Structure formats: C-alpha cells, structure tokens
C-alpha cells in the first residue's frame, strides 16, 4: 500500500489541499513502519513545496 500511496501523492502534488488530505488519510491507515517510511519519502520528495505542512501532519 505504501507504493500506491506514493504514486497517488505524486499525482495530486499540484494541489496543496488535495495533497494534504491524501497525506493525512494515508498516515492514519498505514502501520507504524510504513508511516515512518512515508514521512521520510514525503519530506525528501516534497519538502521544497510542502515541508512545513508535512512536518505538521507527522507532528515532527
């Protein structure tokens, strides 16, 4: 499911609201290990666009 989530987030990254909505949903239903991987990947991939928002979703 993590790979599906990554693919989806890449597709909706053009829209901040949609991106954050999908990121929050994904963070809620992924297990702890995949949640950590998603956090790292999101920050690496989208930090330049949504870094502060991503940190807020993952409370870091």
PDB file of N, CA and C in Angstrom:
ATOM      1  N   UNK A   1       0.807  -1.195   0.000  1.00  0.00           N
ATOM      2  CA  UNK A   1       0.000   0.000   0.000  1.00  0.00           C
ATOM      3  C   UNK A   1       0.857   1.269   0.000  1.00  0.00           C
ATOM      4  N   UNK A   2       2.047   1.167   0.526  1.00  0.00           N
ATOM      5  CA  UNK A   2       2.916   2.333   0.568  1.00  0.00           C
ATOM      6  C   UNK A   2       3.244   2.818  -0.843  1.00  0.00           C
ATOM      7  N   UNK A   3       3.510   1.914  -1.744  1.00  0.00           N
ATOM      8  CA  UNK A   3       3.838   2.309  -3.119  1.00  0.00           C
ATOM      9  C   UNK A   3       2.638   2.961  -3.796  1.00  0.00           C
ATOM     10  N   UNK A   4       1.461   2.450  -3.532  1.00  0.00           N
ATOM     11  CA  UNK A   4       0.245   3.067  -4.068  1.00  0.00           C
ATOM     12  C   UNK A   4       0.099   4.493  -3.533  1.00  0.00           C
ATOM     13  N   UNK A   5       0.335   4.659  -2.242  1.00  0.00           N
ATOM     14  CA  UNK A   5       0.239   5.974  -1.606  1.00  0.00           C
ATOM     15  C   UNK A   5       1.225   6.952  -2.238  1.00  0.00           C
ATOM     16  N   UNK A   6       2.436   6.519  -2.451  1.00  0.00           N
ATOM     17  CA  UNK A   6       3.443   7.381  -3.073  1.00  0.00           C
ATOM     18  C   UNK A   6       2.991   7.815  -4.467  1.00  0.00           C
ATOM     19  N   UNK A   7       2.485   6.867  -5.221  1.00  0.00           N
ATOM     20  CA  UNK A   7       2.010   7.158  -6.569  1.00  0.00           C
ATOM     21  C   UNK A   7       0.871   8.169  -6.540  1.00  0.00           C
ATOM     22  N   UNK A   8      -0.057   7.967  -5.636  1.00  0.00           N
ATOM     23  CA  UNK A   8      -1.192   8.877  -5.510  1.00  0.00           C
ATOM     24  C   UNK A   8      -0.735  10.282  -5.124  1.00  0.00           C
ATOM     25  N   UNK A   9       0.157  10.374  -4.165  1.00  0.00           N
ATOM     26  CA  UNK A   9       0.640  11.680  -3.729  1.00  0.00           C
ATOM     27  C   UNK A   9       1.376  12.418  -4.841  1.00  0.00           C
ATOM     28  N   UNK A  10       2.104  11.693  -5.652  1.00  0.00           N
ATOM     29  CA  UNK A  10       2.782  12.341  -6.780  1.00  0.00           C
ATOM     30  C   UNK A  10       1.766  12.906  -7.763  1.00  0.00           C
ATOM     31  N   UNK A  11       0.665  12.195  -7.954  1.00  0.00           N
ATOM     32  CA  UNK A  11      -0.355  12.634  -8.903  1.00  0.00           C
ATOM     33  C   UNK A  11      -1.119  13.863  -8.415  1.00  0.00           C
ATOM     34  N   UNK A  12      -1.288  14.001  -7.105  1.00  0.00           N
ATOM     35  CA  UNK A  12      -2.076  15.123  -6.575  1.00  0.00           C
ATOM     36  C   UNK A  12      -1.204  16.244  -6.018  1.00  0.00           C
ATOM     37  N   UNK A  13       0.092  16.154  -6.193  1.00  0.00           N
ATOM     38  CA  UNK A  13       1.000  17.133  -5.588  1.00  0.00           C
ATOM     39  C   UNK A  13       0.840  18.543  -6.154  1.00  0.00           C
ATOM     40  N   UNK A  14       0.164  18.682  -7.262  1.00  0.00           N
ATOM     41  CA  UNK A  14      -0.046  20.011  -7.848  1.00  0.00           C
ATOM     42  C   UNK A  14      -1.010  20.861  -7.020  1.00  0.00           C
ATOM     43  N   UNK A  15      -1.806  20.202  -6.161  1.00  0.00           N
ATOM     44  CA  UNK A  15      -2.825  20.897  -5.377  1.00  0.00           C
ATOM     45  C   UNK A  15      -2.549  20.688  -3.892  1.00  0.00           C
ATOM     46  N   UNK A  16      -2.190  21.738  -3.189  1.00  0.00           N
ATOM     47  CA  UNK A  16      -1.802  21.635  -1.778  1.00  0.00           C
ATOM     48  C   UNK A  16      -2.890  20.993  -0.924  1.00  0.00           C
ATOM     49  N   UNK A  17      -4.123  21.431  -1.078  1.00  0.00           N
ATOM     50  CA  UNK A  17      -5.218  20.902  -0.276  1.00  0.00           C
ATOM     51  C   UNK A  17      -5.444  19.422  -0.496  1.00  0.00           C
ATOM     52  N   UNK A  18      -5.450  19.012  -1.739  1.00  0.00           N
ATOM     53  CA  UNK A  18      -5.650  17.600  -2.075  1.00  0.00           C
ATOM     54  C   UNK A  18      -4.472  16.755  -1.591  1.00  0.00           C
ATOM     55  N   UNK A  19      -3.273  17.284  -1.772  1.00  0.00           N
ATOM     56  CA  UNK A  19      -2.077  16.576  -1.322  1.00  0.00           C
ATOM     57  C   UNK A  19      -2.142  16.326   0.186  1.00  0.00           C
ATOM     58  N   UNK A  20      -2.470  17.359   0.949  1.00  0.00           N
ATOM     59  CA  UNK A  20      -2.513  17.221   2.405  1.00  0.00           C
ATOM     60  C   UNK A  20      -3.644  16.303   2.849  1.00  0.00           C
ATOM     61  N   UNK A  21      -4.761  16.366   2.185  1.00  0.00           N
ATOM     62  CA  UNK A  21      -5.878  15.476   2.502  1.00  0.00           C
ATOM     63  C   UNK A  21      -5.463  14.014   2.333  1.00  0.00           C
ATOM     64  N   UNK A  22      -4.827  13.707   1.210  1.00  0.00           N
ATOM     65  CA  UNK A  22      -4.398  12.327   0.945  1.00  0.00           C
ATOM     66  C   UNK A  22      -3.255  11.908   1.863  1.00  0.00           C
ATOM     67  N   UNK A  23      -2.365  12.825   2.173  1.00  0.00           N
ATOM     68  CA  UNK A  23      -1.269  12.509   3.084  1.00  0.00           C
ATOM     69  C   UNK A  23      -1.804  12.169   4.474  1.00  0.00           C
ATOM     70  N   UNK A  24      -2.748  12.949   4.960  1.00  0.00           N
ATOM     71  CA  UNK A  24      -3.345  12.693   6.277  1.00  0.00           C
ATOM     72  C   UNK A  24      -4.066  11.351   6.300  1.00  0.00           C
ATOM     73  N   UNK A  25      -4.846  11.072   5.271  1.00  0.00           N
ATOM     74  CA  UNK A  25      -5.553   9.793   5.214  1.00  0.00           C
ATOM     75  C   UNK A  25      -4.565   8.628   5.218  1.00  0.00           C
ATOM     76  N   UNK A  26      -3.532   8.753   4.422  1.00  0.00           N
ATOM     77  CA  UNK A  26      -2.538   7.687   4.327  1.00  0.00           C
ATOM     78  C   UNK A  26      -1.799   7.490   5.643  1.00  0.00           C
ATOM     79  N   UNK A  27      -1.440   8.581   6.283  1.00  0.00           N
ATOM     80  CA  UNK A  27      -0.731   8.494   7.556  1.00  0.00           C
ATOM     81  C   UNK A  27      -1.588   7.813   8.615  1.00  0.00           C
ATOM     82  N   UNK A  28      -2.897   7.978   8.528  1.00  0.00           N
ATOM     83  CA  UNK A  28      -3.800   7.364   9.503  1.00  0.00           C
ATOM     84  C   UNK A  28      -3.948   5.857   9.308  1.00  0.00           C
ATOM     85  N   UNK A  29      -3.957   5.387   8.079  1.00  0.00           N
ATOM     86  CA  UNK A  29      -4.217   3.966   7.891  1.00  0.00           C
ATOM     87  C   UNK A  29      -2.987   3.103   7.667  1.00  0.00           C
ATOM     88  N   UNK A  30      -1.825   3.678   7.500  1.00  0.00           N
ATOM     89  CA  UNK A  30      -0.606   2.879   7.378  1.00  0.00           C
ATOM     90  C   UNK A  30      -0.120   2.428   8.753  1.00  0.00           C
ATOM     91  N   UNK A  31       0.545   1.276   8.792  1.00  0.00           N
ATOM     92  CA  UNK A  31       1.120   0.837  10.069  1.00  0.00           C
ATOM     93  C   UNK A  31       2.316   1.724  10.412  1.00  0.00           C
ATOM     94  N   UNK A  32       2.807   1.595  11.609  1.00  0.00           N
ATOM     95  CA  UNK A  32       3.851   2.490  12.133  1.00  0.00           C
ATOM     96  C   UNK A  32       5.110   2.491  11.262  1.00  0.00           C
ATOM     97  N   UNK A  33       5.514   1.322  10.795  1.00  0.00           N
ATOM     98  CA  UNK A  33       6.734   1.217   9.988  1.00  0.00           C
ATOM     99  C   UNK A  33       6.560   1.940   8.651  1.00  0.00           C
ATOM    100  N   UNK A  34       5.453   1.683   7.973  1.00  0.00           N
ATOM    101  CA  UNK A  34       5.213   2.339   6.693  1.00  0.00           C
ATOM    102  C   UNK A  34       4.942   3.828   6.875  1.00  0.00           C
ATOM    103  N   UNK A  35       4.366   4.192   7.991  1.00  0.00           N
ATOM    104  CA  UNK A  35       4.138   5.609   8.286  1.00  0.00           C
ATOM    105  C   UNK A  35       5.484   6.348   8.350  1.00  0.00           C
ATOM    106  N   UNK A  36       6.472   5.747   8.991  1.00  0.00           N
ATOM    107  CA  UNK A  36       7.804   6.340   9.056  1.00  0.00           C
ATOM    108  C   UNK A  36       8.449   6.452   7.687  1.00  0.00           C
ATOM    109  N   UNK A  37       8.253   5.428   6.873  1.00  0.00           N
ATOM    110  CA  UNK A  37       8.795   5.460   5.508  1.00  0.00           C
ATOM    111  C   UNK A  37       8.114   6.542   4.675  1.00  0.00           C
ATOM    112  N   UNK A  38       6.796   6.671   4.855  1.00  0.00           N
ATOM    113  CA  UNK A  38       6.055   7.699   4.131  1.00  0.00           C
ATOM    114  C   UNK A  38       6.527   9.086   4.543  1.00  0.00           C
ATOM    115  N   UNK A  39       6.749   9.285   5.816  1.00  0.00           N
ATOM    116  CA  UNK A  39       7.238  10.572   6.310  1.00  0.00           C
ATOM    117  C   UNK A  39       8.575  10.924   5.671  1.00  0.00           C
ATOM    118  N   UNK A  40       9.506   9.984   5.693  1.00  0.00           N
ATOM    119  CA  UNK A  40      10.831  10.224   5.109  1.00  0.00           C
ATOM    120  C   UNK A  40      10.738  10.511   3.617  1.00  0.00           C
ATOM    121  N   UNK A  41       9.975   9.702   2.916  1.00  0.00           N
ATOM    122  CA  UNK A  41       9.825   9.875   1.475  1.00  0.00           C
ATOM    123  C   UNK A  41       9.173  11.217   1.153  1.00  0.00           C
ATOM    124  N   UNK A  42       8.119  11.559   1.892  1.00  0.00           N
ATOM    125  CA  UNK A  42       7.399  12.818   1.647  1.00  0.00           C
ATOM    126  C   UNK A  42       8.313  14.017   1.849  1.00  0.00           C
ATOM    127  N   UNK A  43       9.078  13.991   2.918  1.00  0.00           N
ATOM    128  CA  UNK A  43       9.982  15.102   3.188  1.00  0.00           C
ATOM    129  C   UNK A  43      11.072  15.204   2.120  1.00  0.00           C
ATOM    130  N   UNK A  44      11.586  14.070   1.704  1.00  0.00           N
ATOM    131  CA  UNK A  44      12.622  14.063   0.673  1.00  0.00           C
ATOM    132  C   UNK A  44      12.081  14.546  -0.665  1.00  0.00           C
ATOM    133  N   UNK A  45      10.885  14.110  -1.006  1.00  0.00           N
ATOM    134  CA  UNK A  45      10.317  14.380  -2.322  1.00  0.00           C
ATOM    135  C   UNK A  45       9.637  15.744  -2.425  1.00  0.00           C
ATOM    136  N   UNK A  46       8.941  16.152  -1.375  1.00  0.00           N
ATOM    137  CA  UNK A  46       8.104  17.348  -1.460  1.00  0.00           C
ATOM    138  C   UNK A  46       8.461  18.446  -0.466  1.00  0.00           C
ATOM    139  N   UNK A  47       9.615  18.357   0.165  1.00  0.00           N
ATOM    140  CA  UNK A  47       9.991  19.362   1.157  1.00  0.00           C
ATOM    141  C   UNK A  47       9.972  20.769   0.571  1.00  0.00           C
ATOM    142  N   UNK A  48      10.448  20.914  -0.630  1.00  0.00           N
ATOM    143  CA  UNK A  48      10.519  22.231  -1.264  1.00  0.00           C
ATOM    144  C   UNK A  48       9.142  22.846  -1.492  1.00  0.00           C
ATOM    145  N   UNK A  49       8.106  22.016  -1.532  1.00  0.00           N
ATOM    146  CA  UNK A  49       6.750  22.511  -1.770  1.00  0.00           C
ATOM    147  C   UNK A  49       5.930  22.600  -0.487  1.00  0.00           C
ATOM    148  N   UNK A  50       6.003  21.537   0.316  1.00  0.00           N
ATOM    149  CA  UNK A  50       5.095  21.406   1.460  1.00  0.00           C
ATOM    150  C   UNK A  50       5.791  20.971   2.745  1.00  0.00           C
ATOM    151  N   UNK A  51       7.056  21.300   2.899  1.00  0.00           N
ATOM    152  CA  UNK A  51       7.829  20.824   4.042  1.00  0.00           C
ATOM    153  C   UNK A  51       7.188  21.086   5.387  1.00  0.00           C
ATOM    154  N   UNK A  52       6.750  22.305   5.630  1.00  0.00           N
ATOM    155  CA  UNK A  52       6.132  22.653   6.907  1.00  0.00           C
ATOM    156  C   UNK A  52       4.842  21.880   7.123  1.00  0.00           C
ATOM    157  N   UNK A  53       4.054  21.745   6.068  1.00  0.00           N
ATOM    158  CA  UNK A  53       2.787  21.016   6.163  1.00  0.00           C
ATOM    159  C   UNK A  53       3.015  19.533   6.448  1.00  0.00           C
ATOM    160  N   UNK A  54       3.994  18.953   5.791  1.00  0.00           N
ATOM    161  CA  UNK A  54       4.299  17.533   6.007  1.00  0.00           C
ATOM    162  C   UNK A  54       4.724  17.308   7.449  1.00  0.00           C
ATOM    163  N   UNK A  55       5.594  18.174   7.960  1.00  0.00           N
ATOM    164  CA  UNK A  55       6.027  18.050   9.352  1.00  0.00           C
ATOM    165  C   UNK A  55       4.847  18.149  10.298  1.00  0.00           C
ATOM    166  N   UNK A  56       3.905  19.010   9.981  1.00  0.00           N
ATOM    167  CA  UNK A  56       2.719  19.176  10.821  1.00  0.00           C
ATOM    168  C   UNK A  56       1.859  17.906  10.807  1.00  0.00           C
ATOM    169  N   UNK A  57       1.706  17.295   9.649  1.00  0.00           N
ATOM    170  CA  UNK A  57       0.923  16.054   9.557  1.00  0.00           C
ATOM    171  C   UNK A  57       1.540  14.968  10.428  1.00  0.00           C
ATOM    172  N   UNK A  58       2.854  14.900  10.424  1.00  0.00           N
ATOM    173  CA  UNK A  58       3.539  13.849  11.190  1.00  0.00           C
ATOM    174  C   UNK A  58       3.994  14.346  12.556  1.00  0.00           C
ATOM    175  N   UNK A  59       3.637  15.554  12.937  1.00  0.00           N
ATOM    176  CA  UNK A  59       3.943  16.130  14.254  1.00  0.00           C
ATOM    177  C   UNK A  59       5.428  16.069  14.581  1.00  0.00           C
ATOM    178  N   UNK A  60       6.262  16.519  13.641  1.00  0.00           N
ATOM    179  CA  UNK A  60       7.705  16.499  13.923  1.00  0.00           C
ATOM    180  C   UNK A  60       8.332  17.846  13.722  1.00  0.00           C
TER     181      UNK A  60
END
